[in-house]
Amino acid sequence: MELKTTRFGTLTLREQDIITFEKGVPGFPTYKKWLLVGDENSPIQWFQSTDDPDVALPVTSPGLFFGSYNAKIAPSERQAIGDPPDEHLSLVVVLTIPAAEPWKMTANLRAPIIINQSNRKARQTAVLDDSYQIRQPVFSPEAQEKLKAQAQNEETQEEQTVKENG
C-alpha cells in the first residue's frame, strides 16, 4: 500500500506498520491510524497520519533529552492498549518545533504516547506525576544560545554566498 504525504513524499507501508489510536490523538480525534516515520538512529521521528497526508507530529524518545524522565502510567492506560509487558511497551513524547526558532523546541512530558509493540495499539495519556510540563524546553538556555548563534552564522554565510554569486 502507498501513502502520498506532504512531508515525506510517497511512503510504502504494510498493514503491520500501522499504529492504531482507538480514540484518535488529542487535536486529531478522527485520525486513528498512524505510521512512525524516520531514521531509527535519528533523535526525532514523525507520527504520520494515514488519514491526512498533511498531518505529521514530531516525536522523540524522552530518554534522549531527559535522562531522568520516569513517566508513571496508570494501569488502566496500559490495559487500554493490551497491557503489554515492559519489553513490548514504547514511549515517545510529542515535540513542538518553532519553524523560525528550532532551538526553542519543547517536549510534552506531561502526556507521552505509549505504544504496545505487540498489537500496534497506542494512546496519548497523562502521566500520574503532575510535575512534568506540557512545554518542557528540550535545550538548556546555554544550548539554545549556541544553536541560535550557529543558525545566524549559517544564515550570514548563505547571504554572503548569494552576494558573491550575484
Protein backbone atom coordinates (compact mmCIF):
# COMPACT_ATOMS: atom_id res chain seq x y z
CA MET A 1 0.00 0.00 0.00
CA GLU A 2 1.24 3.51 -0.76
CA LEU A 3 0.59 6.75 1.08
CA LYS A 4 1.36 10.11 -0.52
CA THR A 5 2.36 12.58 2.17
CA THR A 6 3.14 16.26 2.12
CA ARG A 7 6.30 15.99 4.23
CA PHE A 8 7.80 12.63 3.18
CA GLY A 9 6.58 12.08 -0.36
CA THR A 10 5.22 8.63 -1.20
CA LEU A 11 5.62 6.04 1.54
CA THR A 12 5.24 2.32 1.05
CA LEU A 13 3.58 0.77 4.06
CA ARG A 14 2.45 -2.61 5.24
CA GLU A 15 -0.58 -3.22 7.43
CA GLN A 16 1.72 -4.32 10.28
CA ASP A 17 3.44 -0.89 10.17
CA ILE A 18 0.25 0.93 11.16
CA ILE A 19 -0.14 2.05 14.76
CA THR A 20 -3.76 2.43 15.84
CA PHE A 21 -5.04 5.05 18.26
CA GLU A 22 -8.55 3.79 19.01
CA LYS A 23 -9.61 7.21 20.34
CA GLY A 24 -7.51 9.22 17.94
CA VAL A 25 -4.87 11.67 19.08
CA PRO A 26 -5.76 14.83 21.05
CA GLY A 27 -6.32 17.54 18.47
CA PHE A 28 -6.94 14.87 15.81
CA PRO A 29 -9.68 12.66 17.30
CA THR A 30 -10.81 11.23 13.96
CA TYR A 31 -7.31 10.23 12.86
CA LYS A 32 -6.88 6.72 14.17
CA LYS A 33 -4.12 5.19 12.03
CA TRP A 34 -0.54 6.45 12.07
CA LEU A 35 2.93 5.45 10.97
CA LEU A 36 6.19 6.06 12.77
CA VAL A 37 8.41 7.54 10.05
CA GLY A 38 12.08 8.46 10.01
CA ASP A 39 15.53 7.07 10.55
CA GLU A 40 15.65 4.88 13.65
CA ASN A 41 19.03 6.43 14.50
CA SER A 42 17.67 9.97 14.37
CA PRO A 43 16.70 11.63 17.65
CA ILE A 44 13.48 12.85 16.01
CA GLN A 45 10.95 10.70 14.20
CA TRP A 46 7.45 11.52 13.00
CA PHE A 47 3.98 10.14 13.56
CA GLN A 48 2.47 10.44 10.09
CA SER A 49 -1.32 10.24 9.86
CA THR A 50 -2.58 7.78 7.26
CA ASP A 51 -5.91 9.63 7.31
CA ASP A 52 -4.48 13.03 6.33
CA PRO A 53 -1.26 13.34 4.31
CA ASP A 54 -0.69 16.85 5.67
CA VAL A 55 -0.55 15.81 9.34
CA ALA A 56 2.68 14.59 10.93
CA LEU A 57 3.77 15.04 14.53
CA PRO A 58 7.45 15.15 15.52
CA VAL A 59 8.25 12.77 18.39
CA THR A 60 11.27 11.58 20.31
CA SER A 61 12.21 9.11 22.97
CA PRO A 62 12.27 11.21 26.15
CA GLY A 63 15.36 9.40 27.41
CA LEU A 64 17.45 11.02 24.66
CA PHE A 65 16.93 14.52 26.05
CA PHE A 66 15.60 13.90 29.57
CA GLY A 67 17.61 11.06 31.06
CA SER A 68 15.79 11.13 34.39
CA TYR A 69 12.30 11.05 32.82
CA ASN A 70 10.27 8.41 34.61
CA ALA A 71 6.67 8.55 33.44
CA LYS A 72 4.24 6.84 35.75
CA ILE A 73 1.41 5.49 33.60
CA ALA A 74 -1.92 4.48 35.14
CA PRO A 75 -2.55 0.73 34.90
CA SER A 76 -5.86 1.43 33.15
CA GLU A 77 -3.97 3.25 30.37
CA ARG A 78 -1.69 0.27 29.80
CA GLN A 79 -4.73 -2.02 29.86
CA ALA A 80 -6.38 0.11 27.17
CA ILE A 81 -3.59 -0.87 24.75
CA GLY A 82 -3.46 -4.53 25.79
CA ASP A 83 -1.36 -4.32 28.99
CA PRO A 84 1.96 -5.12 27.33
CA PRO A 85 4.97 -6.28 29.33
CA ASP A 86 7.62 -3.57 29.69
CA GLU A 87 9.77 -5.03 26.92
CA HIS A 88 6.89 -4.54 24.42
CA LEU A 89 5.99 -1.04 25.58
CA SER A 90 7.46 2.00 23.83
CA LEU A 91 7.05 5.57 24.93
CA VAL A 92 7.58 8.76 22.90
CA VAL A 93 6.77 12.40 23.52
CA VAL A 94 5.40 14.92 21.04
CA LEU A 95 7.68 17.83 20.17
CA THR A 96 6.78 21.38 19.22
CA ILE A 97 9.43 22.81 16.91
CA PRO A 98 9.03 26.51 16.05
CA ALA A 99 9.92 26.84 12.36
CA ALA A 100 11.84 30.10 12.75
CA GLU A 101 13.47 29.16 16.06
CA PRO A 102 14.01 25.38 16.26
CA TRP A 103 16.37 25.84 19.21
CA LYS A 104 13.24 26.70 21.24
CA MET A 105 11.87 23.16 20.71
CA THR A 106 9.74 21.84 23.56
CA ALA A 107 8.56 18.36 24.56
CA ASN A 108 5.21 17.38 26.04
CA LEU A 109 6.43 15.35 29.03
CA ARG A 110 3.03 15.51 30.72
CA ALA A 111 1.27 13.43 28.04
CA PRO A 112 3.51 10.83 26.37
CA ILE A 113 2.36 8.41 23.71
CA ILE A 114 2.51 4.79 24.82
CA ILE A 115 2.76 2.08 22.17
CA ASN A 116 2.19 -1.63 22.53
CA GLN A 117 4.68 -3.03 20.02
CA SER A 118 2.94 -6.44 20.00
CA ASN A 119 -0.52 -5.36 18.85
CA ARG A 120 0.44 -1.89 17.48
CA LYS A 121 -2.12 -0.08 19.68
CA ALA A 122 -1.24 3.30 21.14
CA ARG A 123 -2.66 6.22 23.03
CA GLN A 124 -1.56 9.56 24.35
CA THR A 125 -2.00 9.62 28.09
CA ALA A 126 -1.44 11.96 31.00
CA VAL A 127 1.23 10.80 33.44
CA LEU A 128 0.41 10.45 37.12
CA ASP A 129 3.22 12.83 38.13
CA ASP A 130 1.99 16.39 37.52
CA SER A 131 5.49 17.87 37.92
CA TYR A 132 6.15 17.22 34.22
CA GLN A 133 5.45 20.09 31.85
CA ILE A 134 3.47 20.20 28.62
CA ARG A 135 6.07 22.51 27.05
CA GLN A 136 9.38 21.45 28.58
CA PRO A 137 12.31 23.09 26.76
CA VAL A 138 14.44 20.41 25.13
CA PHE A 139 17.62 22.51 25.22
CA SER A 140 19.11 24.41 28.15
CA PRO A 141 19.27 28.22 27.83
CA GLU A 142 23.00 27.93 27.10
CA ALA A 143 22.45 25.35 24.36
CA GLN A 144 19.65 27.48 22.90
CA GLU A 145 22.02 30.45 22.64
CA LYS A 146 24.69 28.32 20.94
CA LEU A 147 22.19 26.87 18.45
CA LYS A 148 20.77 30.32 17.74
CA ALA A 149 24.26 31.76 17.12
CA GLN A 150 25.11 28.81 14.87
CA ALA A 151 21.92 29.32 12.83
CA GLN A 152 22.59 33.04 12.49
CA ASN A 153 26.17 32.34 11.39
CA GLU A 154 24.95 29.87 8.74
CA GLU A 155 22.38 32.41 7.55
CA THR A 156 25.06 35.10 7.25
CA GLN A 157 27.30 32.72 5.27
CA GLU A 158 24.42 31.88 2.90
CA GLU A 159 23.69 35.58 2.33
CA GLN A 160 27.37 36.21 1.61
CA THR A 161 27.47 33.34 -0.88
CA VAL A 162 24.42 34.73 -2.67
CA LYS A 163 26.02 38.20 -2.90
CA GLU A 164 29.25 36.74 -4.25
CA ASN A 165 27.44 34.65 -6.86
CA GLY A 166 25.13 37.56 -7.60
